[in-house]
C-alpha atoms as a PDB file:
ATOM      1  CA  UNK A   1      60.326  76.258 -86.604  1.00  0.00           C
ATOM      2  CA  UNK A   2      59.312  72.490 -87.309  1.00  0.00           C
ATOM      3  CA  UNK A   3      62.229  72.267 -85.401  1.00  0.00           C
ATOM      4  CA  UNK A   4      61.487  74.120 -82.150  1.00  0.00           C
ATOM      5  CA  UNK A   5      58.185  73.206 -82.125  1.00  0.00           C
ATOM      6  CA  UNK A   6      59.095  69.440 -82.791  1.00  0.00           C
ATOM      7  CA  UNK A   7      61.710  69.920 -79.549  1.00  0.00           C
ATOM      8  CA  UNK A   8      58.623  72.471 -78.240  1.00  0.00           C
ATOM      9  CA  UNK A   9      55.717  69.173 -78.719  1.00  0.00           C
ATOM     10  CA  UNK A  10      58.319  66.139 -77.048  1.00  0.00           C
ATOM     11  CA  UNK A  11      59.145  68.510 -73.788  1.00  0.00           C
ATOM     12  CA  UNK A  12      55.329  69.074 -73.547  1.00  0.00           C
ATOM     13  CA  UNK A  13      54.493  65.214 -73.880  1.00  0.00           C
ATOM     14  CA  UNK A  14      57.519  64.109 -71.294  1.00  0.00           C
ATOM     15  CA  UNK A  15      55.662  66.010 -67.712  1.00  0.00           C
ATOM     16  CA  UNK A  16      52.651  64.205 -68.467  1.00  0.00           C
ATOM     17  CA  UNK A  17      54.496  61.424 -68.076  1.00  0.00           C
ATOM     18  CA  UNK A  18      57.141  62.466 -65.307  1.00  0.00           C
ATOM     19  CA  UNK A  19      54.325  63.772 -63.356  1.00  0.00           C
ATOM     20  CA  UNK A  20      52.460  60.191 -63.108  1.00  0.00           C
ATOM     21  CA  UNK A  21      54.945  58.636 -62.180  1.00  0.00           C
ATOM     22  CA  UNK A  22      56.046  60.960 -59.276  1.00  0.00           C
ATOM     23  CA  UNK A  23      51.904  60.588 -58.645  1.00  0.00           C
ATOM     24  CA  UNK A  24      52.327  56.655 -58.032  1.00  0.00           C
ATOM     25  CA  UNK A  25      55.196  57.020 -55.717  1.00  0.00           C
ATOM     26  CA  UNK A  26      53.934  60.544 -53.549  1.00  0.00           C
ATOM     27  CA  UNK A  27      50.306  57.596 -52.701  1.00  0.00           C
ATOM     28  CA  UNK A  28      52.301  54.624 -51.052  1.00  0.00           C
ATOM     29  CA  UNK A  29      54.940  56.180 -49.765  1.00  0.00           C
ATOM     30  CA  UNK A  30      53.652  58.452 -47.197  1.00  0.00           C
ATOM     31  CA  UNK A  31      51.038  55.136 -45.552  1.00  0.00           C
ATOM     32  CA  UNK A  32      54.082  52.835 -46.046  1.00  0.00           C
ATOM     33  CA  UNK A  33      55.870  56.047 -43.408  1.00  0.00           C
ATOM     34  CA  UNK A  34      53.401  55.776 -41.272  1.00  0.00           C
ATOM     35  CA  UNK A  35      52.407  52.292 -40.537  1.00  0.00           C
ATOM     36  CA  UNK A  36      56.637  52.445 -39.872  1.00  0.00           C
ATOM     37  CA  UNK A  37      56.631  55.591 -38.301  1.00  0.00           C
ATOM     38  CA  UNK A  38      53.768  54.810 -35.174  1.00  0.00           C
ATOM     39  CA  UNK A  39      55.569  51.367 -35.147  1.00  0.00           C
ATOM     40  CA  UNK A  40      58.771  53.566 -34.166  1.00  0.00           C
ATOM     41  CA  UNK A  41      56.697  55.255 -31.757  1.00  0.00           C
ATOM     42  CA  UNK A  42      55.403  52.731 -29.882  1.00  0.00           C
ATOM     43  CA  UNK A  43      59.054  50.751 -29.443  1.00  0.00           C
ATOM     44  CA  UNK A  44      60.386  54.638 -28.456  1.00  0.00           C
ATOM     45  CA  UNK A  45      57.173  54.748 -25.667  1.00  0.00           C
ATOM     46  CA  UNK A  46      57.871  51.122 -24.788  1.00  0.00           C
ATOM     47  CA  UNK A  47      61.477  51.307 -24.267  1.00  0.00           C
ATOM     48  CA  UNK A  48      61.662  54.753 -22.243  1.00  0.00           C
ATOM     49  CA  UNK A  49      58.428  52.985 -20.263  1.00  0.00           C
ATOM     50  CA  UNK A  50      60.826  50.368 -18.872  1.00  0.00           C
ATOM     51  CA  UNK A  51      64.007  51.778 -18.814  1.00  0.00           C
ATOM     52  CA  UNK A  52      62.203  54.740 -16.251  1.00  0.00           C
ATOM     53  CA  UNK A  53      60.646  52.157 -14.822  1.00  0.00           C
ATOM     54  CA  UNK A  54      63.848  50.079 -14.220  1.00  0.00           C
ATOM     55  CA  UNK A  55      65.600  53.269 -12.972  1.00  0.00           C
ATOM     56  CA  UNK A  56      63.407  53.530  -9.779  1.00  0.00           C
ATOM     57  CA  UNK A  57      62.980  49.695  -8.960  1.00  0.00           C
ATOM     58  CA  UNK A  58      66.864  50.108  -9.228  1.00  0.00           C
ATOM     59  CA  UNK A  59      66.761  47.153 -10.844  1.00  0.00           C
ATOM     60  CA  UNK A  60      68.057  45.852 -14.647  1.00  0.00           C
ATOM     61  CA  UNK A  61      65.104  45.950 -17.805  1.00  0.00           C
ATOM     62  CA  UNK A  62      65.481  42.814 -18.362  1.00  0.00           C
ATOM     63  CA  UNK A  63      63.742  42.239 -14.151  1.00  0.00           C
ATOM     64  CA  UNK A  64      61.150  44.913 -15.310  1.00  0.00           C
ATOM     65  CA  UNK A  65      60.521  42.965 -18.354  1.00  0.00           C
ATOM     66  CA  UNK A  66      59.678  39.475 -16.663  1.00  0.00           C
ATOM     67  CA  UNK A  67      57.810  40.711 -13.650  1.00  0.00           C
ATOM     68  CA  UNK A  68      55.327  42.815 -16.645  1.00  0.00           C
ATOM     69  CA  UNK A  69      55.290  39.119 -18.191  1.00  0.00           C
ATOM     70  CA  UNK A  70      54.289  37.869 -14.425  1.00  0.00           C
ATOM     71  CA  UNK A  71      51.419  40.711 -13.459  1.00  0.00           C
ATOM     72  CA  UNK A  72      50.350  39.390 -17.280  1.00  0.00           C
ATOM     73  CA  UNK A  73      50.204  35.271 -16.789  1.00  0.00           C
ATOM     74  CA  UNK A  74      49.072  35.695 -12.890  1.00  0.00           C
ATOM     75  CA  UNK A  75      45.547  37.688 -14.485  1.00  0.00           C
ATOM     76  CA  UNK A  76      45.359  35.331 -17.075  1.00  0.00           C
ATOM     77  CA  UNK A  77      45.276  32.805 -13.973  1.00  0.00           C
ATOM     78  CA  UNK A  78      42.882  34.461 -12.773  1.00  0.00           C
ATOM     79  CA  UNK A  79      40.210  34.811 -15.420  1.00  0.00           C
ATOM     80  CA  UNK A  80      40.454  30.989 -16.243  1.00  0.00           C
ATOM     81  CA  UNK A  81      40.353  30.248 -12.542  1.00  0.00           C
ATOM     82  CA  UNK A  82      36.587  32.667 -12.325  1.00  0.00           C
ATOM     83  CA  UNK A  83      36.008  30.535 -15.676  1.00  0.00           C
ATOM     84  CA  UNK A  84      36.171  27.380 -14.412  1.00  0.00           C
ATOM     85  CA  UNK A  85      34.556  28.087 -11.314  1.00  0.00           C
ATOM     86  CA  UNK A  86      31.773  29.440 -13.353  1.00  0.00           C
ATOM     87  CA  UNK A  87      31.164  26.695 -15.996  1.00  0.00           C
ATOM     88  CA  UNK A  88      31.569  24.403 -12.900  1.00  0.00           C
ATOM     89  CA  UNK A  89      28.714  25.780 -10.682  1.00  0.00           C
ATOM     90  CA  UNK A  90      26.179  26.161 -14.051  1.00  0.00           C
ATOM     91  CA  UNK A  91      27.410  22.349 -14.725  1.00  0.00           C
ATOM     92  CA  UNK A  92      26.052  21.432 -10.890  1.00  0.00           C
ATOM     93  CA  UNK A  93      22.716  22.766 -11.004  1.00  0.00           C
ATOM     94  CA  UNK A  94      22.159  21.057 -14.907  1.00  0.00           C
ATOM     95  CA  UNK A  95      22.554  17.776 -12.650  1.00  0.00           C
ATOM     96  CA  UNK A  96      20.353  19.034  -9.474  1.00  0.00           C
ATOM     97  CA  UNK A  97      17.920  19.729 -11.640  1.00  0.00           C
ATOM     98  CA  UNK A  98      17.883  16.315 -13.293  1.00  0.00           C
ATOM     99  CA  UNK A  99      18.087  14.990  -9.895  1.00  0.00           C
ATOM    100  CA  UNK A 100      15.414  16.363  -9.020  1.00  0.00           C
ATOM    101  CA  UNK A 101      13.654  15.708 -12.577  1.00  0.00           C
ATOM    102  CA  UNK A 102      14.081  12.076 -12.195  1.00  0.00           C
ATOM    103  CA  UNK A 103      12.783  12.116  -8.378  1.00  0.00           C
ATOM    104  CA  UNK A 104       9.766  13.869  -8.893  1.00  0.00           C
ATOM    105  CA  UNK A 105       9.256  11.000 -11.725  1.00  0.00           C
ATOM    106  CA  UNK A 106      10.355   8.223  -8.767  1.00  0.00           C
ATOM    107  CA  UNK A 107       8.053   9.794  -6.594  1.00  0.00           C
ATOM    108  CA  UNK A 108       5.201   9.921  -9.182  1.00  0.00           C
ATOM    109  CA  UNK A 109       6.184   6.538 -10.158  1.00  0.00           C
ATOM    110  CA  UNK A 110       5.735   5.564  -6.046  1.00  0.00           C
ATOM    111  CA  UNK A 111       2.379   6.783  -5.949  1.00  0.00           C
ATOM    112  CA  UNK A 112       0.906   5.058  -8.741  1.00  0.00           C
ATOM    113  CA  UNK A 113       2.388   1.673  -7.149  1.00  0.00           C
ATOM    114  CA  UNK A 114       0.807   3.384  -3.845  1.00  0.00           C
ATOM    115  CA  UNK A 115      -2.530   3.765  -5.960  1.00  0.00           C
ATOM    116  CA  UNK A 116      -2.755   0.738  -6.949  1.00  0.00           C
ATOM    117  CA  UNK A 117      -1.964  -1.599  -4.213  1.00  0.00           C
ATOM    118  CA  UNK A 118      -4.296   0.564  -2.439  1.00  0.00           C
ATOM    119  CA  UNK A 119      -6.903  -0.387  -5.313  1.00  0.00           C
ATOM    120  CA  UNK A 120      -5.936  -4.045  -5.144  1.00  0.00           C
ATOM    121  CA  UNK A 121      -6.233  -4.014  -1.460  1.00  0.00           C
ATOM    122  CA  UNK A 122      -9.642  -2.658  -2.058  1.00  0.00           C
ATOM    123  CA  UNK A 123     -11.232  -5.365  -4.148  1.00  0.00           C
ATOM    124  CA  UNK A 124      -9.556  -7.824  -2.500  1.00  0.00           C
ATOM    125  CA  UNK A 125     -11.490  -6.809   1.160  1.00  0.00           C
ATOM    126  CA  UNK A 126     -14.567  -6.929  -1.616  1.00  0.00           C
ATOM    127  CA  UNK A 127     -14.539  -9.781  -1.842  1.00  0.00           C
ATOM    128  CA  UNK A 128     -13.429 -10.775   1.350  1.00  0.00           C
ATOM    129  CA  UNK A 129     -16.530  -9.569   2.377  1.00  0.00           C
ATOM    130  CA  UNK A 130     -18.257 -11.137  -1.227  1.00  0.00           C
ATOM    131  CA  UNK A 131     -17.102 -14.555   0.153  1.00  0.00           C
ATOM    132  CA  UNK A 132     -18.379 -13.805   3.966  1.00  0.00           C
ATOM    133  CA  UNK A 133     -22.045 -12.712   3.158  1.00  0.00           C
ATOM    134  CA  UNK A 134     -22.013 -15.948   0.334  1.00  0.00           C
ATOM    135  CA  UNK A 135     -20.829 -17.987   3.624  1.00  0.00           C
ATOM    136  CA  UNK A 136     -23.710 -16.656   5.824  1.00  0.00           C
ATOM    137  CA  UNK A 137     -26.273 -17.158   3.427  1.00  0.00           C
ATOM    138  CA  UNK A 138     -24.766 -20.373   2.527  1.00  0.00           C
ATOM    139  CA  UNK A 139     -25.024 -21.131   6.724  1.00  0.00           C
ATOM    140  CA  UNK A 140     -28.774 -19.688   6.982  1.00  0.00           C
ATOM    141  CA  UNK A 141     -30.208 -22.618   6.553  1.00  0.00           C
ATOM    142  CA  UNK A 142     -29.937 -24.633   8.766  1.00  0.00           C
ATOM    143  CA  UNK A 143     -32.711 -27.199   9.512  1.00  0.00           C
ATOM    144  CA  UNK A 144     -35.760 -27.045  11.282  1.00  0.00           C
ATOM    145  CA  UNK A 145     -37.139 -28.111  14.446  1.00  0.00           C
ATOM    146  CA  UNK A 146     -41.077 -28.620  15.293  1.00  0.00           C
ATOM    147  CA  UNK A 147     -41.741 -28.245  19.213  1.00  0.00           C
ATOM    148  CA  UNK A 148     -44.851 -27.598  21.602  1.00  0.00           C
ATOM    149  CA  UNK A 149     -46.177 -25.027  24.054  1.00  0.00           C
ATOM    150  CA  UNK A 150     -49.209 -25.490  26.433  1.00  0.00           C
ATOM    151  CA  UNK A 151     -49.613 -23.255  29.644  1.00  0.00           C
ATOM    152  CA  UNK A 152     -51.764 -24.460  32.484  1.00  0.00           C
ATOM    153  CA  UNK A 153     -52.892 -20.677  33.951  1.00  0.00           C
ATOM    154  CA  UNK A 154     -54.328 -22.106  37.035  1.00  0.00           C
ATOM    155  CA  UNK A 155     -51.103 -24.418  38.041  1.00  0.00           C
ATOM    156  CA  UNK A 156     -49.163 -21.677  36.310  1.00  0.00           C
ATOM    157  CA  UNK A 157     -47.356 -24.799  34.890  1.00  0.00           C
ATOM    158  CA  UNK A 158     -45.605 -23.875  31.137  1.00  0.00           C
ATOM    159  CA  UNK A 159     -45.225 -27.174  29.324  1.00  0.00           C
ATOM    160  CA  UNK A 160     -42.998 -27.198  26.435  1.00  0.00           C
ATOM    161  CA  UNK A 161     -41.810 -30.441  23.797  1.00  0.00           C
ATOM    162  CA  UNK A 162     -39.448 -30.947  21.754  1.00  0.00           C
ATOM    163  CA  UNK A 163     -41.222 -33.292  19.376  1.00  0.00           C
ATOM    164  CA  UNK A 164     -38.050 -33.716  16.211  1.00  0.00           C
ATOM    165  CA  UNK A 165     -35.755 -32.077  13.443  1.00  0.00           C
ATOM    166  CA  UNK A 166     -34.553 -32.318   9.915  1.00  0.00           C
ATOM    167  CA  UNK A 167     -32.393 -31.582   7.587  1.00  0.00           C
ATOM    168  CA  UNK A 168     -29.730 -30.807  10.533  1.00  0.00           C
ATOM    169  CA  UNK A 169     -26.400 -29.806   9.014  1.00  0.00           C
ATOM    170  CA  UNK A 170     -23.466 -32.543   9.619  1.00  0.00           C
ATOM    171  CA  UNK A 171     -21.024 -31.493  11.745  1.00  0.00           C
ATOM    172  CA  UNK A 172     -18.495 -34.647  12.007  1.00  0.00           C
ATOM    173  CA  UNK A 173     -16.704 -35.649   8.620  1.00  0.00           C
ATOM    174  CA  UNK A 174     -18.547 -38.362   8.697  1.00  0.00           C
ATOM    175  CA  UNK A 175     -21.761 -35.685   7.019  1.00  0.00           C
ATOM    176  CA  UNK A 176     -23.376 -36.760  10.132  1.00  0.00           C
ATOM    177  CA  UNK A 177     -24.529 -35.142  13.606  1.00  0.00           C
ATOM    178  CA  UNK A 178     -24.213 -36.337  16.644  1.00  0.00           C
ATOM    179  CA  UNK A 179     -27.885 -34.048  17.771  1.00  0.00           C
ATOM    180  CA  UNK A 180     -29.120 -32.499  21.475  1.00  0.00           C
ATOM    181  CA  UNK A 181     -31.925 -30.236  22.458  1.00  0.00           C
ATOM    182  CA  UNK A 182     -31.292 -27.782  25.516  1.00  0.00           C
ATOM    183  CA  UNK A 183     -34.037 -26.221  26.787  1.00  0.00           C
ATOM    184  CA  UNK A 184     -34.642 -22.589  28.917  1.00  0.00           C
ATOM    185  CA  UNK A 185     -35.881 -19.682  29.785  1.00  0.00           C
ATOM    186  CA  UNK A 186     -34.578 -16.789  29.395  1.00  0.00           C
ATOM    187  CA  UNK A 187     -33.844 -13.766  30.525  1.00  0.00           C
ATOM    188  CA  UNK A 188     -32.323 -16.407  34.395  1.00  0.00           C
ATOM    189  CA  UNK A 189     -30.815 -19.206  32.853  1.00  0.00           C
ATOM    190  CA  UNK A 190     -31.009 -21.069  35.841  1.00  0.00           C
ATOM    191  CA  UNK A 191     -32.598 -24.092  34.945  1.00  0.00           C
ATOM    192  CA  UNK A 192     -31.361 -26.064  31.946  1.00  0.00           C
ATOM    193  CA  UNK A 193     -32.752 -29.439  30.369  1.00  0.00           C
ATOM    194  CA  UNK A 194     -31.773 -31.793  27.432  1.00  0.00           C
ATOM    195  CA  UNK A 195     -32.640 -34.320  26.188  1.00  0.00           C
ATOM    196  CA  UNK A 196     -30.713 -37.555  25.465  1.00  0.00           C
ATOM    197  CA  UNK A 197     -27.913 -37.209  21.949  1.00  0.00           C
ATOM    198  CA  UNK A 198     -28.830 -39.070  18.638  1.00  0.00           C
ATOM    199  CA  UNK A 199     -26.206 -40.497  16.873  1.00  0.00           C
ATOM    200  CA  UNK A 200     -25.340 -39.786  13.369  1.00  0.00           C
ATOM    201  CA  UNK A 201     -28.001 -38.541  12.115  1.00  0.00           C
ATOM    202  CA  UNK A 202     -29.534 -35.334  10.556  1.00  0.00           C
ATOM    203  CA  UNK A 203     -33.089 -36.067  11.301  1.00  0.00           C
ATOM    204  CA  UNK A 204     -33.350 -36.535  14.868  1.00  0.00           C
ATOM    205  CA  UNK A 205     -36.890 -37.538  16.540  1.00  0.00           C
ATOM    206  CA  UNK A 206     -36.869 -36.648  20.214  1.00  0.00           C
ATOM    207  CA  UNK A 207     -40.556 -36.918  21.593  1.00  0.00           C
ATOM    208  CA  UNK A 208     -39.197 -35.295  24.764  1.00  0.00           C
ATOM    209  CA  UNK A 209     -41.513 -33.197  27.339  1.00  0.00           C
ATOM    210  CA  UNK A 210     -40.094 -31.182  29.694  1.00  0.00           C
ATOM    211  CA  UNK A 211     -42.007 -28.831  32.974  1.00  0.00           C
ATOM    212  CA  UNK A 212     -41.791 -25.445  33.904  1.00  0.00           C
ATOM    213  CA  UNK A 213     -43.250 -23.506  36.861  1.00  0.00           C
ATOM    214  CA  UNK A 214     -43.880 -20.206  35.682  1.00  0.00           C
ATOM    215  CA  UNK A 215     -46.267 -17.695  37.576  1.00  0.00           C
ATOM    216  CA  UNK A 216     -48.694 -16.118  35.114  1.00  0.00           C
ATOM    217  CA  UNK A 217     -48.165 -12.687  36.415  1.00  0.00           C
ATOM    218  CA  UNK A 218     -44.384 -13.752  34.762  1.00  0.00           C
ATOM    219  CA  UNK A 219     -45.163 -15.821  31.834  1.00  0.00           C
ATOM    220  CA  UNK A 220     -45.288 -12.790  29.530  1.00  0.00           C
ATOM    221  CA  UNK A 221     -42.019 -11.500  30.290  1.00  0.00           C
ATOM    222  CA  UNK A 222     -40.298 -14.661  29.294  1.00  0.00           C
ATOM    223  CA  UNK A 223     -38.139 -16.227  26.436  1.00  0.00           C
ATOM    224  CA  UNK A 224     -38.390 -19.829  25.400  1.00  0.00           C
ATOM    225  CA  UNK A 225     -35.256 -21.370  23.945  1.00  0.00           C
ATOM    226  CA  UNK A 226     -34.139 -23.823  21.792  1.00  0.00           C
ATOM    227  CA  UNK A 227     -30.565 -24.412  21.142  1.00  0.00           C
ATOM    228  CA  UNK A 228     -29.783 -27.476  19.169  1.00  0.00           C
ATOM    229  CA  UNK A 229     -26.562 -28.514  19.198  1.00  0.00           C
ATOM    230  CA  UNK A 230     -23.391 -31.725  17.769  1.00  0.00           C
ATOM    231  CA  UNK A 231     -22.764 -33.422  20.430  1.00  0.00           C
ATOM    232  CA  UNK A 232     -18.633 -34.154  20.811  1.00  0.00           C
ATOM    233  CA  UNK A 233     -17.005 -36.625  22.500  1.00  0.00           C
ATOM    234  CA  UNK A 234     -13.447 -35.049  22.903  1.00  0.00           C
ATOM    235  CA  UNK A 235     -14.485 -31.430  22.740  1.00  0.00           C
ATOM    236  CA  UNK A 236     -16.891 -28.961  22.672  1.00  0.00           C
ATOM    237  CA  UNK A 237     -19.752 -29.941  21.649  1.00  0.00           C
ATOM    238  CA  UNK A 238     -20.853 -27.089  18.755  1.00  0.00           C
ATOM    239  CA  UNK A 239     -24.070 -25.320  18.581  1.00  0.00           C
ATOM    240  CA  UNK A 240     -26.084 -25.970  15.107  1.00  0.00           C
ATOM    241  CA  UNK A 241     -29.120 -23.600  15.787  1.00  0.00           C
ATOM    242  CA  UNK A 242     -31.272 -22.276  18.103  1.00  0.00           C
ATOM    243  CA  UNK A 243     -35.085 -21.010  18.900  1.00  0.00           C
ATOM    244  CA  UNK A 244     -36.108 -18.242  20.690  1.00  0.00           C
ATOM    245  CA  UNK A 245     -39.961 -17.433  21.007  1.00  0.00           C
ATOM    246  CA  UNK A 246     -40.893 -14.515  23.662  1.00  0.00           C
ATOM    247  CA  UNK A 247     -43.461 -16.004  25.334  1.00  0.00           C
ATOM    248  CA  UNK A 248     -45.572 -12.362  26.021  1.00  0.00           C
ATOM    249  CA  UNK A 249     -45.238 -12.526  21.086  1.00  0.00           C
ATOM    250  CA  UNK A 250     -47.673 -15.959  21.701  1.00  0.00           C
ATOM    251  CA  UNK A 251     -51.334 -17.141  21.989  1.00  0.00           C
ATOM    252  CA  UNK A 252     -50.911 -19.438  25.422  1.00  0.00           C
ATOM    253  CA  UNK A 253     -54.149 -20.164  25.883  1.00  0.00           C
ATOM    254  CA  UNK A 254     -54.066 -22.542  23.292  1.00  0.00           C
ATOM    255  CA  UNK A 255     -51.568 -25.820  22.858  1.00  0.00           C
ATOM    256  CA  UNK A 256     -48.951 -24.808  20.260  1.00  0.00           C
ATOM    257  CA  UNK A 257     -47.178 -27.403  17.865  1.00  0.00           C
ATOM    258  CA  UNK A 258     -44.891 -25.592  15.340  1.00  0.00           C
ATOM    259  CA  UNK A 259     -41.652 -26.255  12.886  1.00  0.00           C
ATOM    260  CA  UNK A 260     -39.581 -23.419  13.179  1.00  0.00           C
ATOM    261  CA  UNK A 261     -35.844 -22.769  10.938  1.00  0.00           C
ATOM    262  CA  UNK A 262     -33.067 -22.628  13.264  1.00  0.00           C
ATOM    263  CA  UNK A 263     -31.173 -19.512  13.404  1.00  0.00           C
ATOM    264  CA  UNK A 264     -27.950 -18.964  13.292  1.00  0.00           C
ATOM    265  CA  UNK A 265     -25.975 -18.897  16.841  1.00  0.00           C
ATOM    266  CA  UNK A 266     -25.683 -15.694  18.265  1.00  0.00           C
ATOM    267  CA  UNK A 267     -21.748 -14.512  18.480  1.00  0.00           C
ATOM    268  CA  UNK A 268     -21.512 -14.043  22.700  1.00  0.00           C
ATOM    269  CA  UNK A 269     -22.143 -17.621  22.391  1.00  0.00           C
ATOM    270  CA  UNK A 270     -19.141 -18.476  20.315  1.00  0.00           C
ATOM    271  CA  UNK A 271     -16.273 -18.015  21.671  1.00  0.00           C
ATOM    272  CA  UNK A 272     -13.179 -17.162  20.258  1.00  0.00           C
ATOM    273  CA  UNK A 273     -10.932 -19.826  19.878  1.00  0.00           C
ATOM    274  CA  UNK A 274      -8.639 -21.298  17.779  1.00  0.00           C
ATOM    275  CA  UNK A 275      -9.923 -24.097  17.053  1.00  0.00           C
ATOM    276  CA  UNK A 276     -10.173 -27.801  17.770  1.00  0.00           C
ATOM    277  CA  UNK A 277      -8.602 -30.956  17.179  1.00  0.00           C
ATOM    278  CA  UNK A 278      -9.708 -34.801  18.266  1.00  0.00           C
ATOM    279  CA  UNK A 279      -6.849 -37.141  19.136  1.00  0.00           C
ATOM    280  CA  UNK A 280      -6.345 -40.387  21.260  1.00  0.00           C
ATOM    281  CA  UNK A 281      -4.009 -41.678  24.032  1.00  0.00           C
ATOM    282  CA  UNK A 282      -3.618 -45.193  24.344  1.00  0.00           C
ATOM    283  CA  UNK A 283      -1.561 -46.240  27.751  1.00  0.00           C
ATOM    284  CA  UNK A 284       0.400 -50.289  28.243  1.00  0.00           C
ATOM    285  CA  UNK A 285       1.835 -50.260  31.330  1.00  0.00           C
ATOM    286  CA  UNK A 286       3.539 -54.313  30.739  1.00  0.00           C
ATOM    287  CA  UNK A 287       5.504 -51.627  27.452  1.00  0.00           C
ATOM    288  CA  UNK A 288       4.859 -48.038  29.073  1.00  0.00           C
ATOM    289  CA  UNK A 289       4.268 -46.688  25.537  1.00  0.00           C
ATOM    290  CA  UNK A 290       1.996 -43.799  25.075  1.00  0.00           C
ATOM    291  CA  UNK A 291       0.051 -44.032  21.641  1.00  0.00           C
ATOM    292  CA  UNK A 292      -1.110 -41.425  20.438  1.00  0.00           C
ATOM    293  CA  UNK A 293      -3.883 -40.372  17.185  1.00  0.00           C
ATOM    294  CA  UNK A 294      -4.157 -37.193  16.110  1.00  0.00           C
ATOM    295  CA  UNK A 295      -8.698 -38.123  14.385  1.00  0.00           C
ATOM    296  CA  UNK A 296      -9.248 -34.727  13.244  1.00  0.00           C
ATOM    297  CA  UNK A 297      -9.620 -30.718  13.508  1.00  0.00           C
ATOM    298  CA  UNK A 298     -12.282 -28.194  12.651  1.00  0.00           C
ATOM    299  CA  UNK A 299     -13.483 -24.751  13.198  1.00  0.00           C
ATOM    300  CA  UNK A 300      -9.852 -23.746  13.254  1.00  0.00           C
ATOM    301  CA  UNK A 301      -8.807 -19.733  12.915  1.00  0.00           C
ATOM    302  CA  UNK A 302      -9.136 -18.398   9.881  1.00  0.00           C
ATOM    303  CA  UNK A 303      -5.409 -17.655   8.388  1.00  0.00           C
ATOM    304  CA  UNK A 304      -4.911 -17.346   4.960  1.00  0.00           C
ATOM    305  CA  UNK A 305      -6.806 -14.016   2.903  1.00  0.00           C
ATOM    306  CA  UNK A 306      -9.091 -16.219   1.342  1.00  0.00           C
ATOM    307  CA  UNK A 307     -10.564 -17.420   4.738  1.00  0.00           C
ATOM    308  CA  UNK A 308      -9.173 -20.678   5.219  1.00  0.00           C
ATOM    309  CA  UNK A 309      -6.051 -22.175   6.214  1.00  0.00           C
END
């Protein structure tokens, strides 16, 4: 009985071990078999496909394989070209955007430069106007002239006296002037009188008298004008200043004798000239020689921005 029991126990101990080993073999074998079967089925399917294609096209199997490979390469090439073109367009767009930004920046810089130039130009024009205004203010003081007016109502005679002038500006390079006075009536300007020229002085004493025939009915509509000039020998005489006396605004019942400041000349009296140049000529007939001496230039046209030349 013990031996039987032992044999039974030994037999019952062995089956679990055998069953465990057999279980491990059963768990690993099916996956391997499935993979192997799938690969064989795919290979078999490909072989059947190639054989059928070769049979239909009446070409060897190798030719079919080559055609398949060529088609695959062609498709890949098309995809590569499409991708490359898309990338190129994107880069070009980015460059265009950057270029546009750069152009806008240049335009902004140019606009700032133009605005700055405009401001500088306006400032320069303002300075020029200020300089011209300062020059006009400086030229306001042109000296004084003493004159007399006497009207004879019974004979219709107007007697005008040019007595003297003082503090005249120097018009020559030496700092002096050669002044004289023109006297006439507006609006006719037909009859004009001139005083003698006084050389190299700024305070000439004239003491000259001139007579105009003016009927009493017309005297109120006349204007007596004194124009003071600087005599120049070789060029046009320069007008220093003027005085205008409307006879209708003065009391002709008495003798008038007074001092008045000279006013700047009228614009219509100024000619649009480029300036004056003074020179001398000397010709020697025996030697056949002509000598030209440039003495001075004045009243030249303003050519620089600052109003000079």
